[in-house]
Amino acid sequence: RKGVQKELESLTQDYQNREQELAEMIETLDRTQDQLLNEIQQGNDVQKKLYNLTQVYQDGQRELAETILKLNSTQDLLEKEVKQRNEVQQKLDNAVNINIQLEDQYEMEQNEKTSKIQELVKTKEYSQETQQRLSRTEGKLAEVRLELEQTNQNLTNTSASLLNLQNDERSLRKLGRKIWTVSKSRVTKRLPLRKKKD
């Protein structure tokens, strides 16, 4: 009887030890699961931020394309204005030359001279108007260029933020894998010990 009772006590103690080990393993697994859930949540948050920044980047790209389109349109307009100004300048030069010739023939061609002077005045007025339009166009071009520079700066900042978030996401994934590996290793080490005792 004493031998049986002693063996029964030994088995009971062994059972309690194993039950305690199992409880510790379950507690470790619960902690590991909580850590993994936290890591997954952080990863989801990073992905949301990455998605939002990607949207901002795409919007910036779209704004940049629109700005470039405006810039090209403004440049075309500027080229047309410059061409018109050159044409007017050429006309003005021609009119001046004609005026010089008219001055040489003043007495003989008084009426023709008056007509040419009026044409010259009109040409100068048109030239001034064209010059004013060109100045306004150049001002618009400067504004568009400033807007383009600001958009490029915003895109540069957004790209840097995207890169940082991608690095954070990779670090979180590595940390999650390390935690999983350590937890798995602990469980694997405990299981053989229990088998040996069995």
Protein backbone atom coordinates (compact mmCIF):
# COMPACT_ATOMS: atom_id res chain seq x y z
CA ARG A 1 0.00 0.00 0.00
CA LYS A 2 2.73 2.47 0.88
CA GLY A 3 4.43 1.76 -2.45
CA VAL A 4 1.21 2.28 -4.39
CA GLN A 5 0.41 5.43 -2.45
CA LYS A 6 3.92 6.76 -3.03
CA GLU A 7 3.69 6.02 -6.75
CA LEU A 8 0.25 7.66 -6.84
CA GLU A 9 1.65 10.77 -5.14
CA SER A 10 4.52 10.81 -7.61
CA LEU A 11 2.14 10.53 -10.55
CA THR A 12 -0.04 13.25 -9.07
CA GLN A 13 2.96 15.56 -8.64
CA ASP A 14 4.12 14.82 -12.18
CA TYR A 15 0.63 15.57 -13.49
CA GLN A 16 0.54 18.85 -11.60
CA ASN A 17 3.98 19.79 -12.93
CA ARG A 18 2.89 19.06 -16.48
CA GLU A 19 -0.32 20.94 -15.97
CA GLN A 20 1.67 23.96 -14.72
CA GLU A 21 4.03 23.74 -17.74
CA LEU A 22 1.04 23.57 -20.06
CA ALA A 23 -0.49 26.63 -18.38
CA GLU A 24 2.80 28.52 -18.81
CA MET A 25 2.97 27.49 -22.47
CA ILE A 26 -0.62 28.65 -23.01
CA GLU A 27 0.19 31.96 -21.30
CA THR A 28 3.28 32.37 -23.52
CA LEU A 29 1.22 31.60 -26.62
CA ASP A 30 -1.41 34.13 -25.53
CA ARG A 31 1.24 36.83 -25.07
CA THR A 32 2.76 35.96 -28.44
CA GLN A 33 -0.66 36.08 -30.07
CA ASP A 34 -1.33 39.50 -28.53
CA GLN A 35 2.03 40.76 -29.76
CA LEU A 36 1.34 39.44 -33.26
CA LEU A 37 -2.11 41.04 -33.26
CA ASN A 38 -0.53 44.34 -32.23
CA GLU A 39 2.08 44.02 -34.98
CA ILE A 40 -0.64 43.21 -37.52
CA GLN A 41 -2.63 46.26 -36.38
CA GLN A 42 0.47 48.44 -36.69
CA GLY A 43 1.11 46.98 -40.12
CA ASN A 44 -2.47 47.79 -41.14
CA ASP A 45 -2.04 51.34 -39.86
CA VAL A 46 1.17 51.72 -41.85
CA GLN A 47 -0.56 50.36 -44.94
CA LYS A 48 -3.38 52.88 -44.48
CA LYS A 49 -0.88 55.71 -44.17
CA LEU A 50 0.98 54.39 -47.20
CA TYR A 51 -2.27 54.26 -49.16
CA ASN A 52 -3.15 57.83 -48.14
CA LEU A 53 0.30 59.10 -49.08
CA THR A 54 0.06 57.22 -52.36
CA GLN A 55 -3.21 59.02 -53.05
CA VAL A 56 -1.55 62.34 -52.20
CA TYR A 57 1.36 61.44 -54.49
CA GLN A 58 -0.99 60.54 -57.33
CA ASP A 59 -2.93 63.78 -56.81
CA GLY A 60 0.36 65.65 -56.90
CA GLN A 61 1.31 63.89 -60.13
CA ARG A 62 -2.05 64.82 -61.62
CA GLU A 63 -1.65 68.44 -60.50
CA LEU A 64 1.86 68.44 -61.93
CA ALA A 65 0.57 67.17 -65.27
CA GLU A 66 -2.10 69.86 -65.30
CA THR A 67 0.48 72.50 -64.38
CA ILE A 68 2.80 71.33 -67.15
CA LEU A 69 -0.13 71.48 -69.57
CA LYS A 70 -0.84 75.04 -68.45
CA LEU A 71 2.85 75.88 -68.77
CA ASN A 72 2.99 74.50 -72.30
CA SER A 73 -0.15 76.41 -73.23
CA THR A 74 1.28 79.59 -71.73
CA GLN A 75 4.57 79.05 -73.55
CA ASP A 76 2.71 78.62 -76.83
CA LEU A 77 0.85 81.83 -76.15
CA LEU A 78 4.11 83.55 -75.28
CA GLU A 79 5.70 82.36 -78.51
CA LYS A 80 2.74 83.70 -80.47
CA GLU A 81 2.99 87.03 -78.66
CA VAL A 82 6.72 87.19 -79.33
CA LYS A 83 6.12 86.41 -82.98
CA GLN A 84 3.49 89.13 -83.18
CA ARG A 85 5.81 91.54 -81.43
CA ASN A 86 8.58 90.77 -83.92
CA GLU A 87 6.17 91.29 -86.78
CA VAL A 88 5.00 94.57 -85.30
CA GLN A 89 8.59 95.58 -84.67
CA GLN A 90 9.40 94.78 -88.27
CA LYS A 91 6.44 96.84 -89.38
CA LEU A 92 7.57 99.62 -87.08
CA ASP A 93 11.07 99.51 -88.52
CA ASN A 94 9.64 99.58 -92.02
CA ALA A 95 7.37 102.47 -91.07
CA VAL A 96 10.32 104.37 -89.62
CA ASN A 97 12.28 103.82 -92.80
CA ILE A 98 9.33 105.01 -94.80
CA ASN A 99 9.02 108.03 -92.51
CA ILE A 100 12.67 108.88 -93.16
CA GLN A 101 12.05 108.67 -96.86
CA LEU A 102 8.95 110.83 -96.50
CA GLU A 103 10.95 113.46 -94.62
CA ASP A 104 13.37 113.58 -97.55
CA GLN A 105 10.45 114.08 -99.89
CA TYR A 106 8.48 116.40 -97.61
CA GLU A 107 7.69 119.18 -100.00
CA MET A 108 6.79 116.92 -102.91
CA GLU A 109 4.79 114.27 -101.03
CA GLN A 110 3.20 116.11 -98.11
CA ASN A 111 -0.09 114.24 -98.33
CA GLU A 112 1.58 110.86 -98.56
CA LYS A 113 3.78 111.70 -95.60
CA THR A 114 0.74 112.57 -93.44
CA SER A 115 -0.88 109.25 -94.30
CA LYS A 116 2.24 107.33 -93.46
CA ILE A 117 2.66 109.15 -90.15
CA GLN A 118 -0.88 108.17 -89.18
CA GLU A 119 -0.07 104.58 -90.07
CA LEU A 120 3.05 104.82 -87.96
CA VAL A 121 1.06 106.10 -84.95
CA LYS A 122 -1.40 103.24 -85.26
CA THR A 123 1.43 100.76 -85.58
CA LYS A 124 3.09 102.17 -82.45
CA GLU A 125 -0.18 101.94 -80.50
CA TYR A 126 -0.61 98.34 -81.62
CA SER A 127 2.98 97.66 -80.63
CA GLN A 128 2.35 99.08 -77.17
CA GLU A 129 -0.79 97.02 -76.74
CA THR A 130 1.10 93.91 -77.84
CA GLN A 131 3.90 94.75 -75.41
CA GLN A 132 1.37 95.06 -72.57
CA ARG A 133 -0.20 91.71 -73.45
CA LEU A 134 3.26 90.17 -73.59
CA SER A 135 4.08 91.56 -70.13
CA ARG A 136 0.85 90.12 -68.70
CA THR A 137 1.62 86.77 -70.35
CA GLU A 138 5.13 86.77 -68.88
CA GLY A 139 3.62 87.46 -65.43
CA LYS A 140 1.28 84.50 -65.82
CA LEU A 141 4.20 82.33 -66.92
CA ALA A 142 6.14 83.29 -63.79
CA GLU A 143 3.14 82.35 -61.61
CA VAL A 144 2.81 78.99 -63.36
CA ARG A 145 6.52 78.31 -62.92
CA LEU A 146 6.24 79.13 -59.19
CA GLU A 147 3.27 76.79 -58.91
CA LEU A 148 5.27 74.10 -60.71
CA GLU A 149 8.17 74.49 -58.27
CA GLN A 150 5.82 74.25 -55.29
CA THR A 151 4.20 71.13 -56.74
CA ASN A 152 7.63 69.54 -57.30
CA GLN A 153 8.57 70.34 -53.68
CA ASN A 154 5.33 68.74 -52.44
CA LEU A 155 6.04 65.65 -54.53
CA THR A 156 9.57 65.45 -53.15
CA ASN A 157 8.26 65.63 -49.55
CA THR A 158 5.58 63.05 -50.29
CA SER A 159 8.13 60.68 -51.86
CA ALA A 160 10.33 60.99 -48.76
CA SER A 161 7.36 60.20 -46.49
CA LEU A 162 6.48 57.18 -48.62
CA LEU A 163 10.03 55.88 -48.37
CA ASN A 164 10.04 56.28 -44.56
CA LEU A 165 6.73 54.46 -44.21
CA GLN A 166 7.94 51.63 -46.45
CA ASN A 167 11.04 51.29 -44.27
CA ASP A 168 8.84 51.26 -41.13
CA GLU A 169 6.64 48.58 -42.65
CA ARG A 170 9.65 46.39 -43.46
CA SER A 171 10.99 46.86 -39.91
CA LEU A 172 7.63 45.87 -38.41
CA ARG A 173 7.49 42.76 -40.57
CA LYS A 174 11.00 41.75 -39.54
CA LEU A 175 10.13 42.30 -35.87
CA GLY A 176 6.97 40.19 -36.22
CA ARG A 177 8.92 37.35 -37.81
CA LYS A 178 11.52 37.53 -35.01
CA ILE A 179 8.83 37.40 -32.30
CA TRP A 180 7.17 34.45 -34.02
CA THR A 181 10.50 32.62 -34.35
CA VAL A 182 11.38 33.20 -30.68
CA SER A 183 7.93 32.06 -29.49
CA LYS A 184 8.01 29.01 -31.71
CA SER A 185 11.50 28.17 -30.46
CA ARG A 186 10.37 28.40 -26.83
CA VAL A 187 7.39 26.15 -27.42
CA THR A 188 9.55 23.67 -29.35
CA LYS A 189 12.08 23.56 -26.48
CA ARG A 190 9.38 22.95 -23.86
CA LEU A 191 7.62 20.15 -25.74
CA PRO A 192 10.68 17.80 -25.87
CA LEU A 193 11.21 18.31 -22.12
CA ARG A 194 7.67 17.19 -21.42
CA LYS A 195 8.09 14.16 -23.67
CA LYS A 196 11.25 13.16 -21.84
CA LYS A 197 9.44 13.31 -18.49
CA ASP A 198 6.63 11.14 -19.94
